[in-house]
Amino acid sequence: MNEIVAVFVAIFVLIGGIVAYGLISTSMGYEEDENQNYIPDRIERMFGKDPSAKKEKVQSKKQKKVSK
């Protein structure tokens, strides 16, 4: 039972650390975060996600709404 609690605490600390790093680094200008999800774009690219693709989808949805 203690192992399960330790795993949950470790996961929480890792995710919290990434979010804290994202907030601090983007607010100070060290990193970019195009899609404003508190995960720096450099980390998203390391895991195979393309942050600019999300931004393009949002822009295309806005353009469709405007053209209607």
PDB file of N, CA and C in Angstrom:
ATOM      1  N   MET A   1       0.822  -1.196   0.000  1.00  0.00           N
ATOM      2  CA  MET A   1       0.000   0.000   0.000  1.00  0.00           C
ATOM      3  C   MET A   1       0.864   1.259   0.000  1.00  0.00           C
ATOM      4  N   ASN A   2       1.956   1.211   0.767  1.00  0.00           N
ATOM      5  CA  ASN A   2       2.851   2.361   0.815  1.00  0.00           C
ATOM      6  C   ASN A   2       3.496   2.619  -0.543  1.00  0.00           C
ATOM      7  N   GLU A   3       3.733   1.547  -1.301  1.00  0.00           N
ATOM      8  CA  GLU A   3       4.336   1.710  -2.617  1.00  0.00           C
ATOM      9  C   GLU A   3       3.405   2.460  -3.562  1.00  0.00           C
ATOM     10  N   ILE A   4       2.117   2.175  -3.469  1.00  0.00           N
ATOM     11  CA  ILE A   4       1.137   2.853  -4.325  1.00  0.00           C
ATOM     12  C   ILE A   4       1.097   4.341  -4.008  1.00  0.00           C
ATOM     13  N   VAL A   5       1.110   4.665  -2.731  1.00  0.00           N
ATOM     14  CA  VAL A   5       1.113   6.070  -2.316  1.00  0.00           C
ATOM     15  C   VAL A   5       2.384   6.752  -2.808  1.00  0.00           C
ATOM     16  N   ALA A   6       3.513   6.078  -2.698  1.00  0.00           N
ATOM     17  CA  ALA A   6       4.782   6.647  -3.150  1.00  0.00           C
ATOM     18  C   ALA A   6       4.766   6.896  -4.651  1.00  0.00           C
ATOM     19  N   VAL A   7       4.177   5.992  -5.419  1.00  0.00           N
ATOM     20  CA  VAL A   7       4.091   6.164  -6.871  1.00  0.00           C
ATOM     21  C   VAL A   7       3.206   7.360  -7.208  1.00  0.00           C
ATOM     22  N   PHE A   8       2.059   7.488  -6.551  1.00  0.00           N
ATOM     23  CA  PHE A   8       1.174   8.629  -6.805  1.00  0.00           C
ATOM     24  C   PHE A   8       1.841   9.950  -6.435  1.00  0.00           C
ATOM     25  N   VAL A   9       2.558   9.974  -5.335  1.00  0.00           N
ATOM     26  CA  VAL A   9       3.271  11.186  -4.932  1.00  0.00           C
ATOM     27  C   VAL A   9       4.344  11.525  -5.961  1.00  0.00           C
ATOM     28  N   ALA A  10       5.079  10.529  -6.435  1.00  0.00           N
ATOM     29  CA  ALA A  10       6.127  10.767  -7.428  1.00  0.00           C
ATOM     30  C   ALA A  10       5.537  11.299  -8.731  1.00  0.00           C
ATOM     31  N   ILE A  11       4.423  10.730  -9.175  1.00  0.00           N
ATOM     32  CA  ILE A  11       3.776  11.204 -10.405  1.00  0.00           C
ATOM     33  C   ILE A  11       3.298  12.637 -10.228  1.00  0.00           C
ATOM     34  N   PHE A  12       2.689  12.929  -9.094  1.00  0.00           N
ATOM     35  CA  PHE A  12       2.206  14.282  -8.814  1.00  0.00           C
ATOM     36  C   PHE A  12       3.360  15.282  -8.803  1.00  0.00           C
ATOM     37  N   VAL A  13       4.477  14.914  -8.189  1.00  0.00           N
ATOM     38  CA  VAL A  13       5.640  15.800  -8.130  1.00  0.00           C
ATOM     39  C   VAL A  13       6.212  16.024  -9.527  1.00  0.00           C
ATOM     40  N   LEU A  14       6.288  14.986 -10.352  1.00  0.00           N
ATOM     41  CA  LEU A  14       6.815  15.134 -11.712  1.00  0.00           C
ATOM     42  C   LEU A  14       5.937  16.054 -12.555  1.00  0.00           C
ATOM     43  N   ILE A  15       4.642  15.825 -12.529  1.00  0.00           N
ATOM     44  CA  ILE A  15       3.729  16.662 -13.317  1.00  0.00           C
ATOM     45  C   ILE A  15       3.731  18.088 -12.781  1.00  0.00           C
ATOM     46  N   GLY A  16       3.698  18.230 -11.475  1.00  0.00           N
ATOM     47  CA  GLY A  16       3.756  19.561 -10.870  1.00  0.00           C
ATOM     48  C   GLY A  16       5.048  20.286 -11.206  1.00  0.00           C
ATOM     49  N   GLY A  17       6.144  19.549 -11.234  1.00  0.00           N
ATOM     50  CA  GLY A  17       7.429  20.149 -11.589  1.00  0.00           C
ATOM     51  C   GLY A  17       7.465  20.633 -13.025  1.00  0.00           C
ATOM     52  N   ILE A  18       6.883  19.861 -13.932  1.00  0.00           N
ATOM     53  CA  ILE A  18       6.842  20.276 -15.338  1.00  0.00           C
ATOM     54  C   ILE A  18       5.982  21.522 -15.503  1.00  0.00           C
ATOM     55  N   VAL A  19       4.833  21.547 -14.834  1.00  0.00           N
ATOM     56  CA  VAL A  19       3.954  22.717 -14.932  1.00  0.00           C
ATOM     57  C   VAL A  19       4.619  23.936 -14.301  1.00  0.00           C
ATOM     58  N   ALA A  20       5.259  23.767 -13.142  1.00  0.00           N
ATOM     59  CA  ALA A  20       5.953  24.884 -12.492  1.00  0.00           C
ATOM     60  C   ALA A  20       7.089  25.394 -13.372  1.00  0.00           C
ATOM     61  N   TYR A  21       7.860  24.472 -13.954  1.00  0.00           N
ATOM     62  CA  TYR A  21       8.934  24.877 -14.862  1.00  0.00           C
ATOM     63  C   TYR A  21       8.367  25.633 -16.057  1.00  0.00           C
ATOM     64  N   GLY A  22       7.252  25.142 -16.592  1.00  0.00           N
ATOM     65  CA  GLY A  22       6.623  25.810 -17.729  1.00  0.00           C
ATOM     66  C   GLY A  22       6.158  27.208 -17.387  1.00  0.00           C
ATOM     67  N   LEU A  23       5.529  27.372 -16.241  1.00  0.00           N
ATOM     68  CA  LEU A  23       5.057  28.694 -15.827  1.00  0.00           C
ATOM     69  C   LEU A  23       6.216  29.664 -15.632  1.00  0.00           C
ATOM     70  N   ILE A  24       7.231  29.210 -14.924  1.00  0.00           N
ATOM     71  CA  ILE A  24       8.364  30.090 -14.628  1.00  0.00           C
ATOM     72  C   ILE A  24       9.151  30.411 -15.888  1.00  0.00           C
ATOM     73  N   SER A  25       9.447  29.408 -16.697  1.00  0.00           N
ATOM     74  CA  SER A  25      10.293  29.642 -17.873  1.00  0.00           C
ATOM     75  C   SER A  25       9.584  30.458 -18.947  1.00  0.00           C
ATOM     76  N   THR A  26       8.273  30.273 -19.120  1.00  0.00           N
ATOM     77  CA  THR A  26       7.576  31.074 -20.131  1.00  0.00           C
ATOM     78  C   THR A  26       7.325  32.489 -19.644  1.00  0.00           C
ATOM     79  N   SER A  27       7.084  32.671 -18.354  1.00  0.00           N
ATOM     80  CA  SER A  27       6.848  34.026 -17.852  1.00  0.00           C
ATOM     81  C   SER A  27       8.128  34.850 -17.856  1.00  0.00           C
ATOM     82  N   MET A  28       9.286  34.200 -17.716  1.00  0.00           N
ATOM     83  CA  MET A  28      10.557  34.919 -17.744  1.00  0.00           C
ATOM     84  C   MET A  28      11.127  35.023 -19.151  1.00  0.00           C
ATOM     85  N   GLY A  29      10.502  34.370 -20.118  1.00  0.00           N
ATOM     86  CA  GLY A  29      10.943  34.489 -21.497  1.00  0.00           C
ATOM     87  C   GLY A  29      11.993  33.489 -21.922  1.00  0.00           C
ATOM     88  N   TYR A  30      12.284  32.481 -21.105  1.00  0.00           N
ATOM     89  CA  TYR A  30      13.287  31.482 -21.476  1.00  0.00           C
ATOM     90  C   TYR A  30      12.756  30.480 -22.493  1.00  0.00           C
ATOM     91  N   GLU A  31      11.487  30.164 -22.416  1.00  0.00           N
ATOM     92  CA  GLU A  31      10.860  29.169 -23.286  1.00  0.00           C
ATOM     93  C   GLU A  31       9.626  29.774 -23.944  1.00  0.00           C
ATOM     94  N   GLU A  32       9.181  29.140 -25.036  1.00  0.00           N
ATOM     95  CA  GLU A  32       7.951  29.540 -25.712  1.00  0.00           C
ATOM     96  C   GLU A  32       6.858  28.518 -25.423  1.00  0.00           C
ATOM     97  N   ASP A  33       5.614  28.998 -25.393  1.00  0.00           N
ATOM     98  CA  ASP A  33       4.461  28.122 -25.207  1.00  0.00           C
ATOM     99  C   ASP A  33       3.342  28.659 -26.087  1.00  0.00           C
ATOM    100  N   GLU A  34       3.350  28.249 -27.361  1.00  0.00           N
ATOM    101  CA  GLU A  34       2.400  28.790 -28.335  1.00  0.00           C
ATOM    102  C   GLU A  34       0.954  28.478 -27.993  1.00  0.00           C
ATOM    103  N   ASN A  35       0.683  27.273 -27.504  1.00  0.00           N
ATOM    104  CA  ASN A  35      -0.700  26.873 -27.282  1.00  0.00           C
ATOM    105  C   ASN A  35      -1.167  27.074 -25.844  1.00  0.00           C
ATOM    106  N   GLN A  36      -0.358  27.719 -25.015  1.00  0.00           N
ATOM    107  CA  GLN A  36      -0.723  28.105 -23.645  1.00  0.00           C
ATOM    108  C   GLN A  36      -1.245  26.941 -22.807  1.00  0.00           C
ATOM    109  N   ASN A  37      -0.551  25.805 -22.829  1.00  0.00           N
ATOM    110  CA  ASN A  37      -0.965  24.660 -22.019  1.00  0.00           C
ATOM    111  C   ASN A  37       0.004  24.401 -20.873  1.00  0.00           C
ATOM    112  N   TYR A  38       0.867  25.363 -20.577  1.00  0.00           N
ATOM    113  CA  TYR A  38       1.832  25.316 -19.476  1.00  0.00           C
ATOM    114  C   TYR A  38       2.899  24.251 -19.650  1.00  0.00           C
ATOM    115  N   ILE A  39       3.029  23.704 -20.853  1.00  0.00           N
ATOM    116  CA  ILE A  39       4.119  22.780 -21.159  1.00  0.00           C
ATOM    117  C   ILE A  39       4.953  23.444 -22.254  1.00  0.00           C
ATOM    118  N   PRO A  40       6.231  23.742 -21.982  1.00  0.00           N
ATOM    119  CA  PRO A  40       7.054  24.414 -22.993  1.00  0.00           C
ATOM    120  C   PRO A  40       7.108  23.622 -24.298  1.00  0.00           C
ATOM    121  N   ASP A  41       7.165  24.353 -25.408  1.00  0.00           N
ATOM    122  CA  ASP A  41       7.154  23.731 -26.730  1.00  0.00           C
ATOM    123  C   ASP A  41       8.335  22.788 -26.929  1.00  0.00           C
ATOM    124  N   ARG A  42       9.481  23.110 -26.326  1.00  0.00           N
ATOM    125  CA  ARG A  42      10.658  22.251 -26.464  1.00  0.00           C
ATOM    126  C   ARG A  42      10.377  20.864 -25.890  1.00  0.00           C
ATOM    127  N   ILE A  43       9.693  20.792 -24.753  1.00  0.00           N
ATOM    128  CA  ILE A  43       9.363  19.497 -24.147  1.00  0.00           C
ATOM    129  C   ILE A  43       8.330  18.768 -24.995  1.00  0.00           C
ATOM    130  N   GLU A  44       7.360  19.501 -25.556  1.00  0.00           N
ATOM    131  CA  GLU A  44       6.365  18.864 -26.430  1.00  0.00           C
ATOM    132  C   GLU A  44       7.029  18.260 -27.656  1.00  0.00           C
ATOM    133  N   ARG A  45       8.011  18.961 -28.224  1.00  0.00           N
ATOM    134  CA  ARG A  45       8.708  18.430 -29.402  1.00  0.00           C
ATOM    135  C   ARG A  45       9.526  17.187 -29.050  1.00  0.00           C
ATOM    136  N   MET A  46      10.084  17.136 -27.820  1.00  0.00           N
ATOM    137  CA  MET A  46      10.850  15.960 -27.405  1.00  0.00           C
ATOM    138  C   MET A  46       9.964  14.720 -27.362  1.00  0.00           C
ATOM    139  N   PHE A  47       8.686  14.887 -27.032  1.00  0.00           N
ATOM    140  CA  PHE A  47       7.765  13.762 -26.952  1.00  0.00           C
ATOM    141  C   PHE A  47       6.969  13.558 -28.227  1.00  0.00           C
ATOM    142  N   GLY A  48       7.345  14.261 -29.309  1.00  0.00           N
ATOM    143  CA  GLY A  48       6.730  14.020 -30.604  1.00  0.00           C
ATOM    144  C   GLY A  48       5.467  14.806 -30.874  1.00  0.00           C
ATOM    145  N   LYS A  49       5.147  15.769 -30.032  1.00  0.00           N
ATOM    146  CA  LYS A  49       3.972  16.605 -30.268  1.00  0.00           C
ATOM    147  C   LYS A  49       4.417  17.867 -30.993  1.00  0.00           C
ATOM    148  N   ASP A  50       3.569  18.353 -31.902  1.00  0.00           N
ATOM    149  CA  ASP A  50       3.875  19.577 -32.631  1.00  0.00           C
ATOM    150  C   ASP A  50       2.960  20.688 -32.123  1.00  0.00           C
ATOM    151  N   PRO A  51       3.479  21.612 -31.308  1.00  0.00           N
ATOM    152  CA  PRO A  51       2.623  22.654 -30.741  1.00  0.00           C
ATOM    153  C   PRO A  51       2.063  23.610 -31.781  1.00  0.00           C
ATOM    154  N   SER A  52       2.744  23.795 -32.896  1.00  0.00           N
ATOM    155  CA  SER A  52       2.237  24.712 -33.913  1.00  0.00           C
ATOM    156  C   SER A  52       1.029  24.126 -34.631  1.00  0.00           C
ATOM    157  N   ALA A  53       0.905  22.805 -34.674  1.00  0.00           N
ATOM    158  CA  ALA A  53      -0.250  22.182 -35.325  1.00  0.00           C
ATOM    159  C   ALA A  53      -1.533  22.509 -34.571  1.00  0.00           C
ATOM    160  N   LYS A  54      -1.475  22.542 -33.253  1.00  0.00           N
ATOM    161  CA  LYS A  54      -2.645  22.884 -32.451  1.00  0.00           C
ATOM    162  C   LYS A  54      -3.055  24.329 -32.699  1.00  0.00           C
ATOM    163  N   LYS A  55      -2.070  25.200 -32.809  1.00  0.00           N
ATOM    164  CA  LYS A  55      -2.362  26.611 -33.043  1.00  0.00           C
ATOM    165  C   LYS A  55      -3.006  26.802 -34.413  1.00  0.00           C
ATOM    166  N   GLU A  56      -2.537  26.057 -35.416  1.00  0.00           N
ATOM    167  CA  GLU A  56      -3.114  26.162 -36.757  1.00  0.00           C
ATOM    168  C   GLU A  56      -4.554  25.671 -36.773  1.00  0.00           C
ATOM    169  N   LYS A  57      -4.863  24.617 -36.005  1.00  0.00           N
ATOM    170  CA  LYS A  57      -6.236  24.113 -35.937  1.00  0.00           C
ATOM    171  C   LYS A  57      -7.168  25.152 -35.336  1.00  0.00           C
ATOM    172  N   VAL A  58      -6.719  25.821 -34.293  1.00  0.00           N
ATOM    173  CA  VAL A  58      -7.542  26.847 -33.646  1.00  0.00           C
ATOM    174  C   VAL A  58      -7.770  28.005 -34.603  1.00  0.00           C
ATOM    175  N   GLN A  59      -6.736  28.409 -35.329  1.00  0.00           N
ATOM    176  CA  GLN A  59      -6.880  29.507 -36.278  1.00  0.00           C
ATOM    177  C   GLN A  59      -7.816  29.130 -37.412  1.00  0.00           C
ATOM    178  N   SER A  60      -7.742  27.889 -37.898  1.00  0.00           N
ATOM    179  CA  SER A  60      -8.616  27.485 -38.998  1.00  0.00           C
ATOM    180  C   SER A  60     -10.066  27.420 -38.533  1.00  0.00           C
ATOM    181  N   LYS A  61     -10.318  27.006 -37.286  1.00  0.00           N
ATOM    182  CA  LYS A  61     -11.678  26.996 -36.754  1.00  0.00           C
ATOM    183  C   LYS A  61     -12.228  28.413 -36.643  1.00  0.00           C
ATOM    184  N   LYS A  62     -11.382  29.354 -36.228  1.00  0.00           N
ATOM    185  CA  LYS A  62     -11.816  30.749 -36.118  1.00  0.00           C
ATOM    186  C   LYS A  62     -12.147  31.312 -37.495  1.00  0.00           C
ATOM    187  N   GLN A  63     -11.348  30.951 -38.503  1.00  0.00           N
ATOM    188  CA  GLN A  63     -11.595  31.443 -39.852  1.00  0.00           C
ATOM    189  C   GLN A  63     -12.889  30.878 -40.404  1.00  0.00           C
ATOM    190  N   LYS A  64     -13.201  29.624 -40.095  1.00  0.00           N
ATOM    191  CA  LYS A  64     -14.452  29.025 -40.559  1.00  0.00           C
ATOM    192  C   LYS A  64     -15.648  29.731 -39.939  1.00  0.00           C
ATOM    193  N   LYS A  65     -15.551  30.091 -38.661  1.00  0.00           N
ATOM    194  CA  LYS A  65     -16.649  30.782 -37.990  1.00  0.00           C
ATOM    195  C   LYS A  65     -16.853  32.171 -38.581  1.00  0.00           C
ATOM    196  N   VAL A  66     -15.764  32.840 -38.905  1.00  0.00           N
ATOM    197  CA  VAL A  66     -15.850  34.189 -39.462  1.00  0.00           C
ATOM    198  C   VAL A  66     -16.445  34.154 -40.859  1.00  0.00           C
ATOM    199  N   SER A  67     -16.088  33.146 -41.652  1.00  0.00           N
ATOM    200  CA  SER A  67     -16.561  33.081 -43.035  1.00  0.00           C
ATOM    201  C   SER A  67     -18.035  32.703 -43.136  1.00  0.00           C
ATOM    202  N   LYS A  68     -18.622  32.133 -42.086  1.00  0.00           N
ATOM    203  CA  LYS A  68     -20.038  31.740 -42.125  1.00  0.00           C
ATOM    204  C   LYS A  68     -20.893  32.911 -41.968  1.00  0.00           C
TER     205      LYS A  68
END
